[in-house]
Amino acid sequence: MREIDFYGLPSVPHPNAAVWQYRAQAAARSVFDTLPDNNAAMHLGGLIGLSADHVIGVARDCPNAEAFAMRVVPSAPEPASIIPLDEAELALAALERNLYEQAA
C-alpha cells in the first residue's frame, strides 16, 4: 500500500492482448486433432499469422493439443498498450459484461 501511495497505481498490459491470445489458443486446441488437414491449418494460420505448413510442422512436434496451443500461438500481434491498473479493471469488467450478454 505504501508503494501505491508513493508511486500511484501500477501500469499493466491492456486485457485485450490476453483475450486475443486465449482465443487463439482455444482455436489451436480445437483443430489439433484434425491436423495435418490443410484447410484447418490455413484457417488457424490466418488467425495467428503463420503459414499452414508452419502450423502443421509445429503440430507434428507436439504430443497433445495443449502443448500445441502453447507453442504455436504467439503473443498478441500488436504490443499491448500499457494502462493504469484502474483502467485495466474497467476494461476487464467491460469484457466480462460483453461475455455475459453474448451468453444470454
PDB file of N, CA and C in Angstrom:
ATOM      1  N   MET A   1       0.819  -1.181   0.000  1.00  0.00           N
ATOM      2  CA  MET A   1       0.000   0.000   0.000  1.00  0.00           C
ATOM      3  C   MET A   1       0.870   1.254   0.000  1.00  0.00           C
ATOM      4  N   ARG A   2       1.991   1.169   0.691  1.00  0.00           N
ATOM      5  CA  ARG A   2       2.880   2.316   0.733  1.00  0.00           C
ATOM      6  C   ARG A   2       3.402   2.656  -0.666  1.00  0.00           C
ATOM      7  N   GLU A   3       3.693   1.608  -1.458  1.00  0.00           N
ATOM      8  CA  GLU A   3       4.164   1.837  -2.823  1.00  0.00           C
ATOM      9  C   GLU A   3       3.102   2.544  -3.652  1.00  0.00           C
ATOM     10  N   ILE A   4       1.850   2.123  -3.498  1.00  0.00           N
ATOM     11  CA  ILE A   4       0.768   2.764  -4.243  1.00  0.00           C
ATOM     12  C   ILE A   4       0.635   4.219  -3.810  1.00  0.00           C
ATOM     13  N   ASP A   5       0.736   4.464  -2.501  1.00  0.00           N
ATOM     14  CA  ASP A   5       0.668   5.843  -2.022  1.00  0.00           C
ATOM     15  C   ASP A   5       1.797   6.688  -2.601  1.00  0.00           C
ATOM     16  N   PHE A   6       2.976   6.091  -2.709  1.00  0.00           N
ATOM     17  CA  PHE A   6       4.136   6.847  -3.164  1.00  0.00           C
ATOM     18  C   PHE A   6       4.202   6.961  -4.691  1.00  0.00           C
ATOM     19  N   TYR A   7       3.991   5.826  -5.390  1.00  0.00           N
ATOM     20  CA  TYR A   7       4.171   5.792  -6.846  1.00  0.00           C
ATOM     21  C   TYR A   7       2.861   5.866  -7.629  1.00  0.00           C
ATOM     22  N   GLY A   8       1.736   5.669  -6.976  1.00  0.00           N
ATOM     23  CA  GLY A   8       0.462   5.592  -7.682  1.00  0.00           C
ATOM     24  C   GLY A   8       0.185   4.160  -8.127  1.00  0.00           C
ATOM     25  N   LEU A   9      -0.907   3.981  -8.825  1.00  0.00           N
ATOM     26  CA  LEU A   9      -1.276   2.645  -9.280  1.00  0.00           C
ATOM     27  C   LEU A   9      -0.271   2.127 -10.304  1.00  0.00           C
ATOM     28  N   PRO A  10       0.010   0.831 -10.272  1.00  0.00           N
ATOM     29  CA  PRO A  10       0.920   0.270 -11.274  1.00  0.00           C
ATOM     30  C   PRO A  10       0.257   0.275 -12.654  1.00  0.00           C
ATOM     31  N   SER A  11       1.064   0.188 -13.681  1.00  0.00           N
ATOM     32  CA  SER A  11       0.567   0.069 -15.046  1.00  0.00           C
ATOM     33  C   SER A  11       0.687  -1.386 -15.478  1.00  0.00           C
ATOM     34  N   VAL A  12      -0.279  -1.835 -16.268  1.00  0.00           N
ATOM     35  CA  VAL A  12      -0.339  -3.231 -16.706  1.00  0.00           C
ATOM     36  C   VAL A  12      -0.730  -3.268 -18.187  1.00  0.00           C
ATOM     37  N   PRO A  13      -0.477  -4.399 -18.864  1.00  0.00           N
ATOM     38  CA  PRO A  13      -0.919  -4.520 -20.256  1.00  0.00           C
ATOM     39  C   PRO A  13      -2.441  -4.509 -20.350  1.00  0.00           C
ATOM     40  N   HIS A  14      -2.971  -3.974 -21.433  1.00  0.00           N
ATOM     41  CA  HIS A  14      -4.416  -3.947 -21.656  1.00  0.00           C
ATOM     42  C   HIS A  14      -4.933  -5.387 -21.741  1.00  0.00           C
ATOM     43  N   PRO A  15      -6.066  -5.705 -21.132  1.00  0.00           N
ATOM     44  CA  PRO A  15      -6.600  -7.072 -21.139  1.00  0.00           C
ATOM     45  C   PRO A  15      -6.913  -7.623 -22.527  1.00  0.00           C
ATOM     46  N   ASN A  16      -7.125  -6.766 -23.520  1.00  0.00           N
ATOM     47  CA  ASN A  16      -7.439  -7.263 -24.865  1.00  0.00           C
ATOM     48  C   ASN A  16      -6.332  -8.132 -25.441  1.00  0.00           C
ATOM     49  N   ALA A  17      -5.091  -7.872 -25.080  1.00  0.00           N
ATOM     50  CA  ALA A  17      -3.978  -8.689 -25.575  1.00  0.00           C
ATOM     51  C   ALA A  17      -4.119 -10.124 -25.075  1.00  0.00           C
ATOM     52  N   ALA A  18      -4.442 -10.292 -23.811  1.00  0.00           N
ATOM     53  CA  ALA A  18      -4.627 -11.630 -23.250  1.00  0.00           C
ATOM     54  C   ALA A  18      -5.847 -12.307 -23.864  1.00  0.00           C
ATOM     55  N   VAL A  19      -6.905 -11.556 -24.104  1.00  0.00           N
ATOM     56  CA  VAL A  19      -8.113 -12.123 -24.710  1.00  0.00           C
ATOM     57  C   VAL A  19      -7.789 -12.688 -26.087  1.00  0.00           C
ATOM     58  N   TRP A  20      -7.050 -11.918 -26.882  1.00  0.00           N
ATOM     59  CA  TRP A  20      -6.673 -12.396 -28.208  1.00  0.00           C
ATOM     60  C   TRP A  20      -5.892 -13.705 -28.094  1.00  0.00           C
ATOM     61  N   GLN A  21      -4.917 -13.731 -27.201  1.00  0.00           N
ATOM     62  CA  GLN A  21      -4.071 -14.912 -27.059  1.00  0.00           C
ATOM     63  C   GLN A  21      -4.873 -16.118 -26.570  1.00  0.00           C
ATOM     64  N   TYR A  22      -5.743 -15.946 -25.599  1.00  0.00           N
ATOM     65  CA  TYR A  22      -6.539 -17.063 -25.082  1.00  0.00           C
ATOM     66  C   TYR A  22      -7.477 -17.619 -26.147  1.00  0.00           C
ATOM     67  N   ARG A  23      -8.087 -16.723 -26.940  1.00  0.00           N
ATOM     68  CA  ARG A  23      -8.983 -17.188 -28.004  1.00  0.00           C
ATOM     69  C   ARG A  23      -8.210 -17.933 -29.083  1.00  0.00           C
ATOM     70  N   ALA A  24      -7.042 -17.444 -29.433  1.00  0.00           N
ATOM     71  CA  ALA A  24      -6.217 -18.121 -30.430  1.00  0.00           C
ATOM     72  C   ALA A  24      -5.763 -19.484 -29.914  1.00  0.00           C
ATOM     73  N   GLN A  25      -5.427 -19.571 -28.628  1.00  0.00           N
ATOM     74  CA  GLN A  25      -5.041 -20.866 -28.053  1.00  0.00           C
ATOM     75  C   GLN A  25      -6.217 -21.840 -28.056  1.00  0.00           C
ATOM     76  N   ALA A  26      -7.418 -21.344 -27.792  1.00  0.00           N
ATOM     77  CA  ALA A  26      -8.602 -22.207 -27.845  1.00  0.00           C
ATOM     78  C   ALA A  26      -8.811 -22.726 -29.266  1.00  0.00           C
ATOM     79  N   ALA A  27      -8.625 -21.862 -30.254  1.00  0.00           N
ATOM     80  CA  ALA A  27      -8.760 -22.288 -31.649  1.00  0.00           C
ATOM     81  C   ALA A  27      -7.706 -23.338 -31.995  1.00  0.00           C
ATOM     82  N   ALA A  28      -6.493 -23.149 -31.516  1.00  0.00           N
ATOM     83  CA  ALA A  28      -5.419 -24.110 -31.780  1.00  0.00           C
ATOM     84  C   ALA A  28      -5.733 -25.465 -31.156  1.00  0.00           C
ATOM     85  N   ARG A  29      -6.221 -25.464 -29.916  1.00  0.00           N
ATOM     86  CA  ARG A  29      -6.580 -26.735 -29.278  1.00  0.00           C
ATOM     87  C   ARG A  29      -7.686 -27.446 -30.047  1.00  0.00           C
ATOM     88  N   SER A  30      -8.636 -26.669 -30.569  1.00  0.00           N
ATOM     89  CA  SER A  30      -9.785 -27.283 -31.244  1.00  0.00           C
ATOM     90  C   SER A  30      -9.417 -27.913 -32.588  1.00  0.00           C
ATOM     91  N   VAL A  31      -8.371 -27.428 -33.252  1.00  0.00           N
ATOM     92  CA  VAL A  31      -8.005 -28.005 -34.553  1.00  0.00           C
ATOM     93  C   VAL A  31      -6.890 -29.038 -34.460  1.00  0.00           C
ATOM     94  N   PHE A  32      -6.274 -29.178 -33.322  1.00  0.00           N
ATOM     95  CA  PHE A  32      -5.109 -30.066 -33.202  1.00  0.00           C
ATOM     96  C   PHE A  32      -5.399 -31.470 -33.723  1.00  0.00           C
ATOM     97  N   ASP A  33      -6.524 -32.049 -33.335  1.00  0.00           N
ATOM     98  CA  ASP A  33      -6.828 -33.424 -33.741  1.00  0.00           C
ATOM     99  C   ASP A  33      -7.147 -33.556 -35.228  1.00  0.00           C
ATOM    100  N   THR A  34      -7.423 -32.450 -35.913  1.00  0.00           N
ATOM    101  CA  THR A  34      -7.723 -32.504 -37.346  1.00  0.00           C
ATOM    102  C   THR A  34      -6.473 -32.371 -38.204  1.00  0.00           C
ATOM    103  N   LEU A  35      -5.370 -31.942 -37.627  1.00  0.00           N
ATOM    104  CA  LEU A  35      -4.152 -31.736 -38.405  1.00  0.00           C
ATOM    105  C   LEU A  35      -3.524 -33.071 -38.748  1.00  0.00           C
ATOM    106  N   PRO A  36      -3.004 -33.229 -39.938  1.00  0.00           N
ATOM    107  CA  PRO A  36      -2.494 -32.238 -40.862  1.00  0.00           C
ATOM    108  C   PRO A  36      -3.480 -31.763 -41.942  1.00  0.00           C
ATOM    109  N   ASP A  37      -4.753 -31.666 -41.642  1.00  0.00           N
ATOM    110  CA  ASP A  37      -5.714 -31.137 -42.609  1.00  0.00           C
ATOM    111  C   ASP A  37      -5.300 -29.723 -43.006  1.00  0.00           C
ATOM    112  N   ASN A  38      -5.079 -29.518 -44.296  1.00  0.00           N
ATOM    113  CA  ASN A  38      -4.562 -28.241 -44.785  1.00  0.00           C
ATOM    114  C   ASN A  38      -5.549 -27.098 -44.574  1.00  0.00           C
ATOM    115  N   ASN A  39      -6.860 -27.356 -44.724  1.00  0.00           N
ATOM    116  CA  ASN A  39      -7.847 -26.286 -44.529  1.00  0.00           C
ATOM    117  C   ASN A  39      -7.850 -25.801 -43.083  1.00  0.00           C
ATOM    118  N   ALA A  40      -7.804 -26.724 -42.146  1.00  0.00           N
ATOM    119  CA  ALA A  40      -7.766 -26.340 -40.732  1.00  0.00           C
ATOM    120  C   ALA A  40      -6.483 -25.573 -40.422  1.00  0.00           C
ATOM    121  N   ALA A  41      -5.381 -26.027 -40.982  1.00  0.00           N
ATOM    122  CA  ALA A  41      -4.100 -25.357 -40.754  1.00  0.00           C
ATOM    123  C   ALA A  41      -4.111 -23.962 -41.361  1.00  0.00           C
ATOM    124  N   MET A  42      -4.711 -23.802 -42.550  1.00  0.00           N
ATOM    125  CA  MET A  42      -4.785 -22.477 -43.181  1.00  0.00           C
ATOM    126  C   MET A  42      -5.652 -21.536 -42.354  1.00  0.00           C
ATOM    127  N   HIS A  43      -6.780 -22.046 -41.846  1.00  0.00           N
ATOM    128  CA  HIS A  43      -7.660 -21.201 -41.042  1.00  0.00           C
ATOM    129  C   HIS A  43      -6.946 -20.725 -39.772  1.00  0.00           C
ATOM    130  N   LEU A  44      -6.342 -21.656 -39.046  1.00  0.00           N
ATOM    131  CA  LEU A  44      -5.625 -21.282 -37.824  1.00  0.00           C
ATOM    132  C   LEU A  44      -4.445 -20.377 -38.156  1.00  0.00           C
ATOM    133  N   GLY A  45      -3.705 -20.711 -39.200  1.00  0.00           N
ATOM    134  CA  GLY A  45      -2.563 -19.887 -39.588  1.00  0.00           C
ATOM    135  C   GLY A  45      -2.971 -18.461 -39.916  1.00  0.00           C
ATOM    136  N   GLY A  46      -4.121 -18.300 -40.584  1.00  0.00           N
ATOM    137  CA  GLY A  46      -4.619 -16.956 -40.885  1.00  0.00           C
ATOM    138  C   GLY A  46      -4.939 -16.179 -39.629  1.00  0.00           C
ATOM    139  N   LEU A  47      -5.451 -16.876 -38.628  1.00  0.00           N
ATOM    140  CA  LEU A  47      -5.805 -16.232 -37.364  1.00  0.00           C
ATOM    141  C   LEU A  47      -4.574 -15.763 -36.607  1.00  0.00           C
ATOM    142  N   ILE A  48      -3.520 -16.556 -36.643  1.00  0.00           N
ATOM    143  CA  ILE A  48      -2.346 -16.239 -35.817  1.00  0.00           C
ATOM    144  C   ILE A  48      -1.147 -15.746 -36.614  1.00  0.00           C
ATOM    145  N   GLY A  49      -1.305 -15.613 -37.934  1.00  0.00           N
ATOM    146  CA  GLY A  49      -0.228 -15.038 -38.736  1.00  0.00           C
ATOM    147  C   GLY A  49       0.875 -15.997 -39.135  1.00  0.00           C
ATOM    148  N   LEU A  50       0.535 -17.272 -39.303  1.00  0.00           N
ATOM    149  CA  LEU A  50       1.518 -18.266 -39.729  1.00  0.00           C
ATOM    150  C   LEU A  50       1.015 -18.988 -40.970  1.00  0.00           C
ATOM    151  N   SER A  51       1.927 -19.596 -41.709  1.00  0.00           N
ATOM    152  CA  SER A  51       1.519 -20.376 -42.875  1.00  0.00           C
ATOM    153  C   SER A  51       0.952 -21.722 -42.413  1.00  0.00           C
ATOM    154  N   ALA A  52       0.178 -22.343 -43.287  1.00  0.00           N
ATOM    155  CA  ALA A  52      -0.378 -23.665 -42.978  1.00  0.00           C
ATOM    156  C   ALA A  52       0.738 -24.673 -42.744  1.00  0.00           C
ATOM    157  N   ASP A  53       1.799 -24.608 -43.555  1.00  0.00           N
ATOM    158  CA  ASP A  53       2.925 -25.526 -43.384  1.00  0.00           C
ATOM    159  C   ASP A  53       3.580 -25.365 -42.013  1.00  0.00           C
ATOM    160  N   HIS A  54       3.701 -24.121 -41.560  1.00  0.00           N
ATOM    161  CA  HIS A  54       4.296 -23.872 -40.241  1.00  0.00           C
ATOM    162  C   HIS A  54       3.418 -24.482 -39.148  1.00  0.00           C
ATOM    163  N   VAL A  55       2.102 -24.252 -39.249  1.00  0.00           N
ATOM    164  CA  VAL A  55       1.163 -24.794 -38.257  1.00  0.00           C
ATOM    165  C   VAL A  55       1.277 -26.318 -38.209  1.00  0.00           C
ATOM    166  N   ILE A  56       1.290 -26.954 -39.368  1.00  0.00           N
ATOM    167  CA  ILE A  56       1.377 -28.417 -39.430  1.00  0.00           C
ATOM    168  C   ILE A  56       2.712 -28.896 -38.868  1.00  0.00           C
ATOM    169  N   GLY A  57       3.781 -28.189 -39.181  1.00  0.00           N
ATOM    170  CA  GLY A  57       5.097 -28.563 -38.656  1.00  0.00           C
ATOM    171  C   GLY A  57       5.165 -28.488 -37.141  1.00  0.00           C
ATOM    172  N   VAL A  58       4.574 -27.459 -36.564  1.00  0.00           N
ATOM    173  CA  VAL A  58       4.556 -27.335 -35.100  1.00  0.00           C
ATOM    174  C   VAL A  58       3.724 -28.466 -34.500  1.00  0.00           C
ATOM    175  N   ALA A  59       2.573 -28.748 -35.104  1.00  0.00           N
ATOM    176  CA  ALA A  59       1.697 -29.802 -34.582  1.00  0.00           C
ATOM    177  C   ALA A  59       2.404 -31.152 -34.570  1.00  0.00           C
ATOM    178  N   ARG A  60       3.214 -31.398 -35.577  1.00  0.00           N
ATOM    179  CA  ARG A  60       3.923 -32.682 -35.683  1.00  0.00           C
ATOM    180  C   ARG A  60       4.836 -32.917 -34.481  1.00  0.00           C
ATOM    181  N   ASP A  61       5.365 -31.838 -33.913  1.00  0.00           N
ATOM    182  CA  ASP A  61       6.306 -31.953 -32.791  1.00  0.00           C
ATOM    183  C   ASP A  61       5.638 -31.904 -31.419  1.00  0.00           C
ATOM    184  N   CYS A  62       4.300 -31.808 -31.378  1.00  0.00           N
ATOM    185  CA  CYS A  62       3.602 -31.644 -30.095  1.00  0.00           C
ATOM    186  C   CYS A  62       2.837 -32.917 -29.722  1.00  0.00           C
ATOM    187  N   PRO A  63       2.943 -33.327 -28.459  1.00  0.00           N
ATOM    188  CA  PRO A  63       2.281 -34.560 -28.038  1.00  0.00           C
ATOM    189  C   PRO A  63       0.776 -34.422 -27.820  1.00  0.00           C
ATOM    190  N   ASN A  64       0.286 -33.199 -27.612  1.00  0.00           N
ATOM    191  CA  ASN A  64      -1.152 -33.023 -27.344  1.00  0.00           C
ATOM    192  C   ASN A  64      -1.585 -31.599 -27.706  1.00  0.00           C
ATOM    193  N   ALA A  65      -2.890 -31.369 -27.641  1.00  0.00           N
ATOM    194  CA  ALA A  65      -3.460 -30.079 -28.055  1.00  0.00           C
ATOM    195  C   ALA A  65      -2.981 -28.926 -27.184  1.00  0.00           C
ATOM    196  N   GLU A  66      -2.819 -29.156 -25.898  1.00  0.00           N
ATOM    197  CA  GLU A  66      -2.384 -28.078 -25.009  1.00  0.00           C
ATOM    198  C   GLU A  66      -0.960 -27.645 -25.336  1.00  0.00           C
ATOM    199  N   ALA A  67      -0.084 -28.609 -25.531  1.00  0.00           N
ATOM    200  CA  ALA A  67       1.296 -28.280 -25.894  1.00  0.00           C
ATOM    201  C   ALA A  67       1.331 -27.533 -27.227  1.00  0.00           C
ATOM    202  N   PHE A  68       0.503 -27.969 -28.164  1.00  0.00           N
ATOM    203  CA  PHE A  68       0.428 -27.307 -29.469  1.00  0.00           C
ATOM    204  C   PHE A  68      -0.029 -25.859 -29.315  1.00  0.00           C
ATOM    205  N   ALA A  69      -1.085 -25.623 -28.551  1.00  0.00           N
ATOM    206  CA  ALA A  69      -1.613 -24.266 -28.371  1.00  0.00           C
ATOM    207  C   ALA A  69      -0.577 -23.350 -27.735  1.00  0.00           C
ATOM    208  N   MET A  70       0.117 -23.849 -26.736  1.00  0.00           N
ATOM    209  CA  MET A  70       1.121 -23.024 -26.055  1.00  0.00           C
ATOM    210  C   MET A  70       2.298 -22.710 -26.975  1.00  0.00           C
ATOM    211  N   ARG A  71       2.606 -23.632 -27.875  1.00  0.00           N
ATOM    212  CA  ARG A  71       3.778 -23.440 -28.723  1.00  0.00           C
ATOM    213  C   ARG A  71       3.470 -22.632 -29.989  1.00  0.00           C
ATOM    214  N   VAL A  72       2.303 -22.846 -30.584  1.00  0.00           N
ATOM    215  CA  VAL A  72       2.037 -22.251 -31.890  1.00  0.00           C
ATOM    216  C   VAL A  72       1.508 -20.817 -31.805  1.00  0.00           C
ATOM    217  N   VAL A  73       0.824 -20.485 -30.724  1.00  0.00           N
ATOM    218  CA  VAL A  73       0.217 -19.153 -30.633  1.00  0.00           C
ATOM    219  C   VAL A  73       1.229 -18.159 -30.070  1.00  0.00           C
ATOM    220  N   PRO A  74       1.504 -17.116 -30.850  1.00  0.00           N
ATOM    221  CA  PRO A  74       2.451 -16.107 -30.370  1.00  0.00           C
ATOM    222  C   PRO A  74       1.776 -15.159 -29.384  1.00  0.00           C
ATOM    223  N   SER A  75       2.545 -14.241 -28.884  1.00  0.00           N
ATOM    224  CA  SER A  75       1.960 -13.149 -28.106  1.00  0.00           C
ATOM    225  C   SER A  75       1.052 -12.356 -29.036  1.00  0.00           C
ATOM    226  N   ALA A  76       0.228 -11.514 -28.476  1.00  0.00           N
ATOM    227  CA  ALA A  76      -0.680 -10.703 -29.284  1.00  0.00           C
ATOM    228  C   ALA A  76       0.111  -9.996 -30.380  1.00  0.00           C
ATOM    229  N   PRO A  77      -0.463  -9.902 -31.586  1.00  0.00           N
ATOM    230  CA  PRO A  77       0.281  -9.354 -32.715  1.00  0.00           C
ATOM    231  C   PRO A  77       0.715  -7.898 -32.554  1.00  0.00           C
ATOM    232  N   GLU A  78      -0.050  -7.119 -31.827  1.00  0.00           N
ATOM    233  CA  GLU A  78       0.338  -5.735 -31.570  1.00  0.00           C
ATOM    234  C   GLU A  78       0.777  -5.642 -30.119  1.00  0.00           C
ATOM    235  N   PRO A  79       1.796  -4.875 -29.864  1.00  0.00           N
ATOM    236  CA  PRO A  79       2.188  -4.732 -28.462  1.00  0.00           C
ATOM    237  C   PRO A  79       1.011  -4.183 -27.643  1.00  0.00           C
ATOM    238  N   ALA A  80       0.773  -4.805 -26.535  1.00  0.00           N
ATOM    239  CA  ALA A  80      -0.332  -4.365 -25.683  1.00  0.00           C
ATOM    240  C   ALA A  80      -0.038  -2.977 -25.140  1.00  0.00           C
ATOM    241  N   SER A  81      -1.050  -2.151 -25.170  1.00  0.00           N
ATOM    242  CA  SER A  81      -0.849  -0.837 -24.571  1.00  0.00           C
ATOM    243  C   SER A  81      -0.763  -1.008 -23.060  1.00  0.00           C
ATOM    244  N   ILE A  82       0.046  -0.220 -22.470  1.00  0.00           N
ATOM    245  CA  ILE A  82       0.222  -0.251 -21.019  1.00  0.00           C
ATOM    246  C   ILE A  82      -0.690   0.820 -20.438  1.00  0.00           C
ATOM    247  N   ILE A  83      -1.564   0.383 -19.546  1.00  0.00           N
ATOM    248  CA  ILE A  83      -2.537   1.304 -18.962  1.00  0.00           C
ATOM    249  C   ILE A  83      -2.516   1.182 -17.444  1.00  0.00           C
ATOM    250  N   PRO A  84      -2.999   2.203 -16.750  1.00  0.00           N
ATOM    251  CA  PRO A  84      -3.064   2.120 -15.290  1.00  0.00           C
ATOM    252  C   PRO A  84      -3.996   0.990 -14.852  1.00  0.00           C
ATOM    253  N   LEU A  85      -3.711   0.431 -13.702  1.00  0.00           N
ATOM    254  CA  LEU A  85      -4.469  -0.702 -13.185  1.00  0.00           C
ATOM    255  C   LEU A  85      -5.968  -0.420 -13.117  1.00  0.00           C
ATOM    256  N   ASP A  86      -6.366   0.777 -12.716  1.00  0.00           N
ATOM    257  CA  ASP A  86      -7.790   1.060 -12.611  1.00  0.00           C
ATOM    258  C   ASP A  86      -8.471   1.042 -13.980  1.00  0.00           C
ATOM    259  N   GLU A  87      -7.772   1.485 -15.030  1.00  0.00           N
ATOM    260  CA  GLU A  87      -8.326   1.403 -16.385  1.00  0.00           C
ATOM    261  C   GLU A  87      -8.411  -0.047 -16.851  1.00  0.00           C
ATOM    262  N   ALA A  88      -7.412  -0.845 -16.502  1.00  0.00           N
ATOM    263  CA  ALA A  88      -7.425  -2.265 -16.866  1.00  0.00           C
ATOM    264  C   ALA A  88      -8.592  -2.984 -16.197  1.00  0.00           C
ATOM    265  N   GLU A  89      -8.867  -2.641 -14.951  1.00  0.00           N
ATOM    266  CA  GLU A  89     -10.009  -3.247 -14.255  1.00  0.00           C
ATOM    267  C   GLU A  89     -11.321  -2.887 -14.939  1.00  0.00           C
ATOM    268  N   LEU A  90     -11.458  -1.644 -15.394  1.00  0.00           N
ATOM    269  CA  LEU A  90     -12.666  -1.232 -16.116  1.00  0.00           C
ATOM    270  C   LEU A  90     -12.779  -1.970 -17.447  1.00  0.00           C
ATOM    271  N   ALA A  91     -11.665  -2.109 -18.153  1.00  0.00           N
ATOM    272  CA  ALA A  91     -11.678  -2.832 -19.436  1.00  0.00           C
ATOM    273  C   ALA A  91     -12.037  -4.296 -19.224  1.00  0.00           C
ATOM    274  N   LEU A  92     -11.524  -4.888 -18.170  1.00  0.00           N
ATOM    275  CA  LEU A  92     -11.831  -6.277 -17.857  1.00  0.00           C
ATOM    276  C   LEU A  92     -13.302  -6.445 -17.495  1.00  0.00           C
ATOM    277  N   ALA A  93     -13.858  -5.515 -16.751  1.00  0.00           N
ATOM    278  CA  ALA A  93     -15.280  -5.560 -16.407  1.00  0.00           C
ATOM    279  C   ALA A  93     -16.136  -5.432 -17.665  1.00  0.00           C
ATOM    280  N   ALA A  94     -15.720  -4.594 -18.612  1.00  0.00           N
ATOM    281  CA  ALA A  94     -16.465  -4.446 -19.869  1.00  0.00           C
ATOM    282  C   ALA A  94     -16.406  -5.738 -20.683  1.00  0.00           C
ATOM    283  N   LEU A  95     -15.248  -6.378 -20.718  1.00  0.00           N
ATOM    284  CA  LEU A  95     -15.130  -7.666 -21.418  1.00  0.00           C
ATOM    285  C   LEU A  95     -16.044  -8.710 -20.776  1.00  0.00           C
ATOM    286  N   GLU A  96     -16.083  -8.726 -19.459  1.00  0.00           N
ATOM    287  CA  GLU A  96     -16.926  -9.681 -18.733  1.00  0.00           C
ATOM    288  C   GLU A  96     -18.397  -9.430 -19.034  1.00  0.00           C
ATOM    289  N   ARG A  97     -18.824  -8.171 -19.017  1.00  0.00           N
ATOM    290  CA  ARG A  97     -20.218  -7.834 -19.338  1.00  0.00           C
ATOM    291  C   ARG A  97     -20.569  -8.297 -20.751  1.00  0.00           C
ATOM    292  N   ASN A  98     -19.649  -8.066 -21.678  1.00  0.00           N
ATOM    293  CA  ASN A  98     -19.874  -8.468 -23.055  1.00  0.00           C
ATOM    294  C   ASN A  98     -20.052  -9.982 -23.166  1.00  0.00           C
ATOM    295  N   LEU A  99     -19.254 -10.743 -22.445  1.00  0.00           N
ATOM    296  CA  LEU A  99     -19.395 -12.205 -22.467  1.00  0.00           C
ATOM    297  C   LEU A  99     -20.738 -12.640 -21.886  1.00  0.00           C
ATOM    298  N   TYR A 100     -21.158 -12.004 -20.809  1.00  0.00           N
ATOM    299  CA  TYR A 100     -22.461 -12.334 -20.228  1.00  0.00           C
ATOM    300  C   TYR A 100     -23.588 -12.033 -21.215  1.00  0.00           C
ATOM    301  N   GLU A 101     -23.490 -10.899 -21.906  1.00  0.00           N
ATOM    302  CA  GLU A 101     -24.522 -10.540 -22.887  1.00  0.00           C
ATOM    303  C   GLU A 101     -24.537 -11.525 -24.041  1.00  0.00           C
ATOM    304  N   GLN A 102     -23.381 -11.971 -24.479  1.00  0.00           N
ATOM    305  CA  GLN A 102     -23.315 -12.948 -25.569  1.00  0.00           C
ATOM    306  C   GLN A 102     -23.919 -14.286 -25.149  1.00  0.00           C
ATOM    307  N   ALA A 103     -23.721 -14.649 -23.884  1.00  0.00           N
ATOM    308  CA  ALA A 103     -24.211 -15.932 -23.391  1.00  0.00           C
ATOM    309  C   ALA A 103     -25.736 -15.923 -23.194  1.00  0.00           C
ATOM    310  N   ALA A 104     -26.308 -14.749 -22.978  1.00  0.00           N
ATOM    311  CA  ALA A 104     -27.738 -14.654 -22.697  1.00  0.00           C
ATOM    312  C   ALA A 104     -28.595 -14.812 -23.930  1.00  0.00           C
TER     313      ALA A 104
END
